[in-house]
Amino acid sequence: MAFEVKSMQPVIFSSYGVKKNPDLDAMFSDICIGTSAAPVYLPAHKFQTKDSEGNILREFNLIDGAVIANNSVLVEISEVTKEIMSGSPDLFPIKPIEYGRFLVLSLGTGTSRSQEHDATECSKWGVLGWLIAGGSHPLIDIFTQASGHIVNYRISTGFQALHSAENYLRI
């Protein structure tokens, strides 16, 4: 998954998605570069998809999808659910609510050690303090950490409720 900065929309690349939207049939290298183009660290990635005659189907202007879903496992499970609901012959007979039959290995990229701040320190910050404080970026750190943690919590709890906690592992 990536974020399209020109249209301000998420873009989800999948082999199933290409069947319905041929304009998503991008080179794997472009997808990898675009989905990992973390703002500040790596440049945004621009590329085009073309049909067999070389006509441009779509232009992409992508940055890392972590800006909208730092842990994208919920998005991926939703994509599989859509395929199940569409009756895809590629998937075994399963109902969309039978997540207990899924086996999910969610791989993260690791986390950098965020600087800790307390309420006394935070209460003294203005706009710039929330953006840059003591060599860290508190507001960005909060958004990325919180997003990843809440998705992990939601998926983990869902698998536990289905008595299938062992079917989900986040590394």
N, C-alpha and C. Protein backbone atom coordinates (compact mmCIF):
# COMPACT_ATOMS: atom_id res chain seq x y z
N MET A 1 0.84 -1.16 0.00
CA MET A 1 0.00 0.00 0.00
C MET A 1 0.90 1.24 0.00
N ALA A 2 0.42 2.24 -0.70
CA ALA A 2 1.13 3.51 -0.78
C ALA A 2 0.12 4.65 -0.70
N PHE A 3 0.64 5.86 -0.63
CA PHE A 3 -0.25 7.03 -0.62
C PHE A 3 0.08 7.87 -1.84
N GLU A 4 -0.95 8.19 -2.62
CA GLU A 4 -0.84 8.98 -3.85
C GLU A 4 -0.93 10.45 -3.47
N VAL A 5 0.19 11.17 -3.56
CA VAL A 5 0.20 12.56 -3.10
C VAL A 5 -0.52 13.52 -4.04
N LYS A 6 -0.66 13.16 -5.30
CA LYS A 6 -1.35 14.04 -6.24
C LYS A 6 -2.86 14.00 -6.02
N SER A 7 -3.41 12.80 -5.87
CA SER A 7 -4.87 12.66 -5.65
C SER A 7 -5.23 12.62 -4.17
N MET A 8 -4.21 12.53 -3.30
CA MET A 8 -4.41 12.45 -1.85
C MET A 8 -5.28 11.24 -1.47
N GLN A 9 -4.97 10.09 -2.08
CA GLN A 9 -5.72 8.86 -1.85
C GLN A 9 -4.76 7.69 -1.64
N PRO A 10 -5.17 6.70 -0.84
CA PRO A 10 -4.35 5.49 -0.73
C PRO A 10 -4.43 4.69 -2.02
N VAL A 11 -3.38 3.93 -2.30
CA VAL A 11 -3.36 3.04 -3.45
C VAL A 11 -2.97 1.66 -2.93
N ILE A 12 -3.80 0.68 -3.23
CA ILE A 12 -3.54 -0.69 -2.79
C ILE A 12 -3.19 -1.52 -4.02
N PHE A 13 -2.00 -2.07 -4.03
CA PHE A 13 -1.55 -2.92 -5.12
C PHE A 13 -1.77 -4.38 -4.72
N SER A 14 -2.42 -5.14 -5.58
CA SER A 14 -2.59 -6.57 -5.33
C SER A 14 -2.84 -7.27 -6.67
N SER A 15 -2.54 -8.55 -6.71
CA SER A 15 -2.79 -9.30 -7.94
C SER A 15 -4.29 -9.36 -8.24
N TYR A 16 -5.12 -9.34 -7.21
CA TYR A 16 -6.57 -9.33 -7.43
C TYR A 16 -7.03 -7.97 -7.95
N GLY A 17 -6.42 -6.91 -7.46
CA GLY A 17 -6.79 -5.57 -7.89
C GLY A 17 -6.52 -5.32 -9.36
N VAL A 18 -5.45 -5.91 -9.88
CA VAL A 18 -5.09 -5.74 -11.28
C VAL A 18 -6.16 -6.32 -12.20
N LYS A 19 -6.82 -7.38 -11.78
CA LYS A 19 -7.86 -7.99 -12.61
C LYS A 19 -9.01 -7.01 -12.85
N LYS A 20 -9.30 -6.19 -11.86
CA LYS A 20 -10.40 -5.23 -11.98
C LYS A 20 -9.93 -3.87 -12.48
N ASN A 21 -8.69 -3.53 -12.20
CA ASN A 21 -8.12 -2.23 -12.58
C ASN A 21 -6.75 -2.43 -13.22
N PRO A 22 -6.71 -2.66 -14.53
CA PRO A 22 -5.43 -2.91 -15.20
C PRO A 22 -4.42 -1.77 -15.04
N ASP A 23 -4.90 -0.57 -14.73
CA ASP A 23 -3.97 0.56 -14.54
C ASP A 23 -3.10 0.38 -13.29
N LEU A 24 -3.43 -0.60 -12.44
CA LEU A 24 -2.62 -0.89 -11.25
C LEU A 24 -1.50 -1.90 -11.54
N ASP A 25 -1.40 -2.36 -12.80
CA ASP A 25 -0.41 -3.37 -13.17
C ASP A 25 0.95 -2.71 -13.37
N ALA A 26 1.58 -2.40 -12.26
CA ALA A 26 2.88 -1.71 -12.27
C ALA A 26 4.02 -2.71 -12.12
N MET A 27 5.20 -2.26 -12.48
CA MET A 27 6.39 -3.09 -12.27
C MET A 27 6.60 -3.25 -10.76
N PHE A 28 7.02 -4.43 -10.36
CA PHE A 28 7.23 -4.72 -8.95
C PHE A 28 8.23 -3.75 -8.33
N SER A 29 9.26 -3.40 -9.08
CA SER A 29 10.26 -2.46 -8.56
C SER A 29 9.64 -1.09 -8.27
N ASP A 30 8.74 -0.61 -9.14
CA ASP A 30 8.08 0.67 -8.89
C ASP A 30 7.19 0.60 -7.66
N ILE A 31 6.50 -0.52 -7.49
CA ILE A 31 5.64 -0.69 -6.31
C ILE A 31 6.49 -0.67 -5.04
N CYS A 32 7.60 -1.41 -5.06
CA CYS A 32 8.47 -1.45 -3.87
C CYS A 32 9.05 -0.08 -3.53
N ILE A 33 9.51 0.62 -4.54
CA ILE A 33 10.09 1.95 -4.30
C ILE A 33 9.01 2.91 -3.79
N GLY A 34 7.84 2.89 -4.43
CA GLY A 34 6.76 3.79 -4.05
C GLY A 34 6.20 3.52 -2.67
N THR A 35 6.04 2.25 -2.33
CA THR A 35 5.44 1.91 -1.04
C THR A 35 6.41 2.07 0.13
N SER A 36 7.67 2.29 -0.18
CA SER A 36 8.65 2.48 0.90
C SER A 36 9.28 3.87 0.89
N ALA A 37 8.74 4.78 0.11
CA ALA A 37 9.28 6.13 0.01
C ALA A 37 8.86 6.98 1.21
N ALA A 38 9.51 6.72 2.33
CA ALA A 38 9.18 7.41 3.58
C ALA A 38 9.53 8.89 3.49
N PRO A 39 8.54 9.76 3.66
CA PRO A 39 8.82 11.20 3.59
C PRO A 39 9.95 11.59 4.54
N VAL A 40 10.73 12.52 4.13
CA VAL A 40 11.91 13.05 4.82
C VAL A 40 13.12 12.15 4.55
N TYR A 41 12.95 10.84 4.57
CA TYR A 41 14.07 9.92 4.41
C TYR A 41 14.34 9.55 2.96
N LEU A 42 13.27 9.34 2.18
CA LEU A 42 13.41 8.92 0.78
C LEU A 42 12.50 9.77 -0.10
N PRO A 43 12.89 10.00 -1.35
CA PRO A 43 12.07 10.83 -2.23
C PRO A 43 10.78 10.12 -2.66
N ALA A 44 9.76 10.91 -2.94
CA ALA A 44 8.53 10.36 -3.51
C ALA A 44 8.88 9.71 -4.84
N HIS A 45 8.08 8.73 -5.25
CA HIS A 45 8.38 8.00 -6.49
C HIS A 45 7.28 8.22 -7.52
N LYS A 46 7.69 8.65 -8.71
CA LYS A 46 6.75 8.91 -9.80
C LYS A 46 7.00 7.89 -10.91
N PHE A 47 5.92 7.26 -11.38
CA PHE A 47 6.03 6.32 -12.50
C PHE A 47 4.67 6.21 -13.19
N GLN A 48 4.67 5.54 -14.32
CA GLN A 48 3.44 5.36 -15.09
C GLN A 48 3.24 3.89 -15.39
N THR A 49 1.98 3.50 -15.52
CA THR A 49 1.67 2.17 -16.04
C THR A 49 1.19 2.37 -17.48
N LYS A 50 1.49 1.37 -18.32
CA LYS A 50 1.14 1.46 -19.74
C LYS A 50 0.48 0.17 -20.19
N ASP A 51 -0.31 0.27 -21.25
CA ASP A 51 -0.92 -0.93 -21.82
C ASP A 51 0.08 -1.59 -22.75
N SER A 52 -0.32 -2.68 -23.41
CA SER A 52 0.59 -3.45 -24.26
C SER A 52 1.07 -2.66 -25.48
N GLU A 53 0.36 -1.59 -25.82
CA GLU A 53 0.75 -0.76 -26.97
C GLU A 53 1.57 0.46 -26.54
N GLY A 54 1.85 0.58 -25.25
CA GLY A 54 2.66 1.68 -24.75
C GLY A 54 1.88 2.92 -24.38
N ASN A 55 0.55 2.83 -24.43
CA ASN A 55 -0.28 3.97 -24.03
C ASN A 55 -0.30 4.09 -22.51
N ILE A 56 -0.19 5.31 -22.02
CA ILE A 56 -0.19 5.54 -20.57
C ILE A 56 -1.58 5.28 -20.01
N LEU A 57 -1.64 4.39 -19.01
CA LEU A 57 -2.90 4.11 -18.33
C LEU A 57 -3.08 5.00 -17.11
N ARG A 58 -1.98 5.17 -16.38
CA ARG A 58 -2.08 5.94 -15.14
C ARG A 58 -0.70 6.41 -14.71
N GLU A 59 -0.69 7.56 -14.07
CA GLU A 59 0.54 8.08 -13.48
C GLU A 59 0.40 8.01 -11.97
N PHE A 60 1.47 7.58 -11.31
CA PHE A 60 1.48 7.48 -9.86
C PHE A 60 2.52 8.44 -9.29
N ASN A 61 2.20 9.05 -8.16
CA ASN A 61 3.10 9.92 -7.41
C ASN A 61 3.01 9.45 -5.96
N LEU A 62 3.87 8.51 -5.58
CA LEU A 62 3.68 7.77 -4.34
C LEU A 62 4.68 8.09 -3.23
N ILE A 63 4.16 7.97 -2.01
CA ILE A 63 4.99 7.94 -0.81
C ILE A 63 4.56 6.72 0.00
N ASP A 64 5.35 6.42 1.00
CA ASP A 64 5.14 5.26 1.88
C ASP A 64 3.72 5.22 2.45
N GLY A 65 3.08 4.07 2.34
CA GLY A 65 1.74 3.89 2.88
C GLY A 65 1.67 3.97 4.39
N ALA A 66 2.81 3.97 5.05
CA ALA A 66 2.82 4.08 6.51
C ALA A 66 2.24 5.41 6.98
N VAL A 67 2.15 6.39 6.09
CA VAL A 67 1.55 7.67 6.50
C VAL A 67 0.07 7.52 6.80
N ILE A 68 -0.56 6.46 6.29
CA ILE A 68 -1.97 6.22 6.58
C ILE A 68 -2.21 4.93 7.35
N ALA A 69 -1.30 3.99 7.24
CA ALA A 69 -1.45 2.72 7.97
C ALA A 69 -0.06 2.17 8.25
N ASN A 70 0.49 2.53 9.40
CA ASN A 70 1.83 2.09 9.75
C ASN A 70 1.91 0.56 9.87
N ASN A 71 0.83 -0.05 10.27
CA ASN A 71 0.70 -1.50 10.28
C ASN A 71 -0.49 -1.79 9.38
N SER A 72 -0.23 -2.26 8.17
CA SER A 72 -1.28 -2.39 7.16
C SER A 72 -2.01 -3.72 7.18
N VAL A 73 -1.83 -4.54 8.20
CA VAL A 73 -2.45 -5.87 8.21
C VAL A 73 -3.98 -5.79 8.14
N LEU A 74 -4.57 -4.78 8.73
CA LEU A 74 -6.03 -4.63 8.67
C LEU A 74 -6.49 -4.38 7.23
N VAL A 75 -5.71 -3.61 6.49
CA VAL A 75 -6.02 -3.36 5.08
C VAL A 75 -5.91 -4.66 4.29
N GLU A 76 -4.87 -5.44 4.54
CA GLU A 76 -4.68 -6.68 3.81
C GLU A 76 -5.79 -7.69 4.11
N ILE A 77 -6.18 -7.79 5.36
CA ILE A 77 -7.29 -8.69 5.70
C ILE A 77 -8.57 -8.22 5.03
N SER A 78 -8.77 -6.92 4.95
CA SER A 78 -9.95 -6.38 4.26
C SER A 78 -9.92 -6.73 2.77
N GLU A 79 -8.76 -6.69 2.16
CA GLU A 79 -8.64 -7.05 0.74
C GLU A 79 -8.99 -8.52 0.52
N VAL A 80 -8.51 -9.39 1.40
CA VAL A 80 -8.85 -10.82 1.29
C VAL A 80 -10.34 -11.00 1.50
N THR A 81 -10.92 -10.29 2.45
CA THR A 81 -12.36 -10.38 2.71
C THR A 81 -13.15 -9.97 1.47
N LYS A 82 -12.73 -8.92 0.78
CA LYS A 82 -13.41 -8.50 -0.45
C LYS A 82 -13.38 -9.62 -1.49
N GLU A 83 -12.25 -10.30 -1.60
CA GLU A 83 -12.14 -11.40 -2.57
C GLU A 83 -13.04 -12.57 -2.18
N ILE A 84 -13.11 -12.85 -0.89
CA ILE A 84 -14.00 -13.92 -0.42
C ILE A 84 -15.44 -13.57 -0.76
N MET A 85 -15.84 -12.33 -0.48
CA MET A 85 -17.22 -11.92 -0.74
C MET A 85 -17.55 -11.92 -2.23
N SER A 86 -16.55 -11.70 -3.08
CA SER A 86 -16.79 -11.71 -4.52
C SER A 86 -16.86 -13.13 -5.08
N GLY A 87 -16.60 -14.12 -4.22
CA GLY A 87 -16.66 -15.52 -4.65
C GLY A 87 -15.45 -15.95 -5.44
N SER A 88 -14.31 -15.37 -5.18
CA SER A 88 -13.09 -15.69 -5.90
C SER A 88 -12.79 -17.19 -5.83
N PRO A 89 -12.59 -17.83 -6.98
CA PRO A 89 -12.27 -19.26 -6.98
C PRO A 89 -10.87 -19.56 -6.46
N ASP A 90 -10.04 -18.51 -6.32
CA ASP A 90 -8.68 -18.70 -5.84
C ASP A 90 -8.63 -18.99 -4.34
N LEU A 91 -9.71 -18.67 -3.65
CA LEU A 91 -9.73 -18.86 -2.20
C LEU A 91 -10.62 -20.04 -1.84
N PHE A 92 -10.22 -20.75 -0.82
CA PHE A 92 -10.98 -21.91 -0.39
C PHE A 92 -12.36 -21.46 0.11
N PRO A 93 -13.33 -22.35 0.15
CA PRO A 93 -14.66 -21.95 0.64
C PRO A 93 -14.58 -21.46 2.09
N ILE A 94 -14.87 -20.20 2.26
CA ILE A 94 -14.82 -19.59 3.58
C ILE A 94 -15.78 -18.42 3.60
N LYS A 95 -16.34 -18.16 4.76
CA LYS A 95 -17.21 -17.00 4.92
C LYS A 95 -16.36 -15.83 5.39
N PRO A 96 -16.76 -14.59 5.03
CA PRO A 96 -15.94 -13.43 5.41
C PRO A 96 -15.68 -13.29 6.90
N ILE A 97 -16.54 -13.83 7.75
CA ILE A 97 -16.35 -13.68 9.19
C ILE A 97 -15.52 -14.80 9.82
N GLU A 98 -15.05 -15.73 9.02
CA GLU A 98 -14.28 -16.86 9.55
C GLU A 98 -12.78 -16.57 9.59
N TYR A 99 -12.42 -15.45 10.21
CA TYR A 99 -11.02 -15.06 10.29
C TYR A 99 -10.18 -16.08 11.06
N GLY A 100 -10.80 -16.89 11.87
CA GLY A 100 -10.09 -17.90 12.62
C GLY A 100 -9.40 -18.92 11.73
N ARG A 101 -9.79 -18.96 10.46
CA ARG A 101 -9.16 -19.87 9.51
C ARG A 101 -7.96 -19.23 8.81
N PHE A 102 -7.75 -17.95 9.05
CA PHE A 102 -6.60 -17.26 8.46
C PHE A 102 -5.36 -17.54 9.30
N LEU A 103 -4.23 -17.56 8.65
CA LEU A 103 -2.94 -17.62 9.33
C LEU A 103 -2.18 -16.36 8.88
N VAL A 104 -1.96 -15.44 9.81
CA VAL A 104 -1.40 -14.14 9.46
C VAL A 104 -0.05 -13.93 10.15
N LEU A 105 0.96 -13.68 9.33
CA LEU A 105 2.27 -13.29 9.82
C LEU A 105 2.47 -11.85 9.38
N SER A 106 2.50 -10.94 10.31
CA SER A 106 2.63 -9.51 10.03
C SER A 106 4.05 -9.07 10.36
N LEU A 107 4.78 -8.67 9.32
CA LEU A 107 6.18 -8.29 9.49
C LEU A 107 6.33 -6.78 9.46
N GLY A 108 6.86 -6.23 10.53
CA GLY A 108 7.13 -4.79 10.57
C GLY A 108 8.58 -4.55 10.19
N THR A 109 8.95 -3.30 10.11
CA THR A 109 10.32 -2.94 9.77
C THR A 109 11.15 -2.64 11.01
N GLY A 110 10.56 -2.86 12.16
CA GLY A 110 11.24 -2.53 13.41
C GLY A 110 10.86 -1.12 13.81
N THR A 111 11.25 -0.73 14.99
CA THR A 111 10.93 0.62 15.44
C THR A 111 12.20 1.28 15.95
N SER A 112 12.25 2.56 15.71
CA SER A 112 13.37 3.31 16.28
C SER A 112 13.00 3.65 17.71
N ARG A 113 13.98 3.81 18.51
CA ARG A 113 13.71 4.14 19.90
C ARG A 113 13.26 5.59 19.97
N SER A 114 12.00 5.78 20.33
CA SER A 114 11.46 7.12 20.44
C SER A 114 11.88 7.73 21.77
N GLN A 115 12.14 9.02 21.73
CA GLN A 115 12.49 9.72 22.96
C GLN A 115 11.23 9.83 23.82
N GLU A 116 11.39 9.60 25.10
CA GLU A 116 10.26 9.70 26.02
C GLU A 116 10.09 11.13 26.50
N HIS A 117 8.85 11.55 26.63
CA HIS A 117 8.52 12.88 27.13
C HIS A 117 7.43 12.72 28.18
N ASP A 118 7.42 13.60 29.17
CA ASP A 118 6.34 13.55 30.15
C ASP A 118 5.41 14.75 29.95
N ALA A 119 4.27 14.73 30.64
CA ALA A 119 3.25 15.76 30.48
C ALA A 119 3.77 17.15 30.84
N THR A 120 4.64 17.23 31.83
CA THR A 120 5.20 18.53 32.22
C THR A 120 5.97 19.15 31.06
N GLU A 121 6.79 18.33 30.42
CA GLU A 121 7.57 18.80 29.28
C GLU A 121 6.65 19.16 28.10
N CYS A 122 5.71 18.28 27.78
CA CYS A 122 4.80 18.50 26.65
C CYS A 122 3.94 19.75 26.82
N SER A 123 3.55 20.03 28.05
CA SER A 123 2.67 21.18 28.29
C SER A 123 3.35 22.52 27.98
N LYS A 124 4.67 22.51 27.88
CA LYS A 124 5.41 23.74 27.59
C LYS A 124 5.65 23.94 26.09
N TRP A 125 5.31 22.94 25.29
CA TRP A 125 5.57 23.03 23.86
C TRP A 125 4.52 23.88 23.15
N GLY A 126 4.99 24.57 22.16
CA GLY A 126 4.09 25.22 21.21
C GLY A 126 4.04 24.33 19.97
N VAL A 127 3.63 24.88 18.86
CA VAL A 127 3.54 24.12 17.62
C VAL A 127 4.89 23.51 17.25
N LEU A 128 5.95 24.28 17.30
CA LEU A 128 7.26 23.77 16.92
C LEU A 128 7.77 22.70 17.87
N GLY A 129 7.46 22.81 19.14
CA GLY A 129 7.88 21.81 20.11
C GLY A 129 7.28 20.44 19.83
N TRP A 130 6.03 20.43 19.36
CA TRP A 130 5.39 19.17 19.01
C TRP A 130 6.01 18.57 17.75
N LEU A 131 6.56 19.42 16.90
CA LEU A 131 7.17 18.93 15.67
C LEU A 131 8.62 18.52 15.86
N ILE A 132 9.35 19.29 16.65
CA ILE A 132 10.76 18.99 16.91
C ILE A 132 11.06 19.31 18.37
N ALA A 133 11.47 18.30 19.12
CA ALA A 133 11.83 18.51 20.53
C ALA A 133 12.98 17.58 20.89
N GLY A 134 14.08 18.16 21.29
CA GLY A 134 15.21 17.36 21.74
C GLY A 134 15.72 16.37 20.72
N GLY A 135 15.70 16.73 19.45
CA GLY A 135 16.20 15.82 18.41
C GLY A 135 15.20 14.79 17.95
N SER A 136 13.98 14.83 18.46
CA SER A 136 12.96 13.88 18.00
C SER A 136 11.79 14.66 17.39
N HIS A 137 10.84 13.93 16.89
CA HIS A 137 9.64 14.50 16.26
C HIS A 137 8.42 13.93 16.98
N PRO A 138 8.08 14.46 18.15
CA PRO A 138 7.06 13.86 19.00
C PRO A 138 5.71 13.59 18.33
N LEU A 139 5.18 14.55 17.61
CA LEU A 139 3.86 14.37 17.02
C LEU A 139 3.86 13.27 15.96
N ILE A 140 4.89 13.25 15.13
CA ILE A 140 5.01 12.20 14.11
C ILE A 140 5.20 10.85 14.78
N ASP A 141 6.05 10.79 15.80
CA ASP A 141 6.26 9.54 16.53
C ASP A 141 4.96 9.03 17.14
N ILE A 142 4.18 9.93 17.71
CA ILE A 142 2.90 9.54 18.32
C ILE A 142 1.97 8.97 17.27
N PHE A 143 1.83 9.66 16.14
CA PHE A 143 0.92 9.17 15.09
C PHE A 143 1.33 7.80 14.58
N THR A 144 2.61 7.62 14.28
CA THR A 144 3.04 6.35 13.71
C THR A 144 2.97 5.22 14.73
N GLN A 145 3.41 5.48 15.95
CA GLN A 145 3.36 4.44 16.99
C GLN A 145 1.92 4.07 17.33
N ALA A 146 1.08 5.07 17.52
CA ALA A 146 -0.32 4.82 17.91
C ALA A 146 -1.06 4.04 16.83
N SER A 147 -0.87 4.41 15.58
CA SER A 147 -1.54 3.73 14.47
C SER A 147 -1.16 2.25 14.44
N GLY A 148 0.12 1.97 14.52
CA GLY A 148 0.58 0.58 14.51
C GLY A 148 0.07 -0.22 15.69
N HIS A 149 0.10 0.39 16.87
CA HIS A 149 -0.34 -0.32 18.08
C HIS A 149 -1.83 -0.62 18.05
N ILE A 150 -2.65 0.32 17.59
CA ILE A 150 -4.09 0.10 17.62
C ILE A 150 -4.51 -0.96 16.60
N VAL A 151 -3.84 -1.01 15.46
CA VAL A 151 -4.14 -2.06 14.48
C VAL A 151 -3.75 -3.42 15.05
N ASN A 152 -2.57 -3.51 15.64
CA ASN A 152 -2.14 -4.76 16.25
C ASN A 152 -3.12 -5.20 17.33
N TYR A 153 -3.56 -4.26 18.16
CA TYR A 153 -4.53 -4.55 19.22
C TYR A 153 -5.84 -5.08 18.62
N ARG A 154 -6.34 -4.42 17.58
CA ARG A 154 -7.61 -4.82 16.96
C ARG A 154 -7.52 -6.22 16.35
N ILE A 155 -6.47 -6.48 15.60
CA ILE A 155 -6.32 -7.78 14.95
C ILE A 155 -6.08 -8.87 15.99
N SER A 156 -5.21 -8.61 16.95
CA SER A 156 -4.92 -9.58 18.00
C SER A 156 -6.18 -9.93 18.79
N THR A 157 -6.95 -8.92 19.16
CA THR A 157 -8.19 -9.15 19.91
C THR A 157 -9.19 -9.94 19.08
N GLY A 158 -9.28 -9.62 17.80
CA GLY A 158 -10.19 -10.36 16.92
C GLY A 158 -9.85 -11.83 16.83
N PHE A 159 -8.56 -12.14 16.68
CA PHE A 159 -8.15 -13.54 16.62
C PHE A 159 -8.37 -14.23 17.97
N GLN A 160 -8.13 -13.52 19.07
CA GLN A 160 -8.38 -14.10 20.40
C GLN A 160 -9.86 -14.41 20.58
N ALA A 161 -10.72 -13.52 20.13
CA ALA A 161 -12.17 -13.72 20.27
C ALA A 161 -12.63 -14.95 19.49
N LEU A 162 -11.92 -15.28 18.44
CA LEU A 162 -12.25 -16.46 17.63
C LEU A 162 -11.49 -17.70 18.11
N HIS A 163 -10.87 -17.60 19.28
CA HIS A 163 -10.08 -18.70 19.86
C HIS A 163 -8.99 -19.16 18.89
N SER A 164 -8.41 -18.19 18.20
CA SER A 164 -7.36 -18.47 17.22
C SER A 164 -6.17 -17.54 17.40
N ALA A 165 -5.86 -17.20 18.63
CA ALA A 165 -4.77 -16.25 18.90
C ALA A 165 -3.46 -16.71 18.26
N GLU A 166 -3.25 -18.01 18.17
CA GLU A 166 -2.01 -18.54 17.60
C GLU A 166 -1.95 -18.37 16.08
N ASN A 167 -3.04 -17.92 15.46
CA ASN A 167 -3.06 -17.73 14.01
C ASN A 167 -2.59 -16.34 13.58
N TYR A 168 -2.23 -15.49 14.56
CA TYR A 168 -1.76 -14.15 14.25
C TYR A 168 -0.46 -13.89 14.99
N LEU A 169 0.56 -13.47 14.25
CA LEU A 169 1.85 -13.14 14.84
C LEU A 169 2.37 -11.86 14.22
N ARG A 170 2.69 -10.89 15.05
CA ARG A 170 3.28 -9.63 14.61
C ARG A 170 4.73 -9.60 15.05
N ILE A 171 5.63 -9.45 14.10
CA ILE A 171 7.06 -9.39 14.38
C ILE A 171 7.57 -8.02 13.96
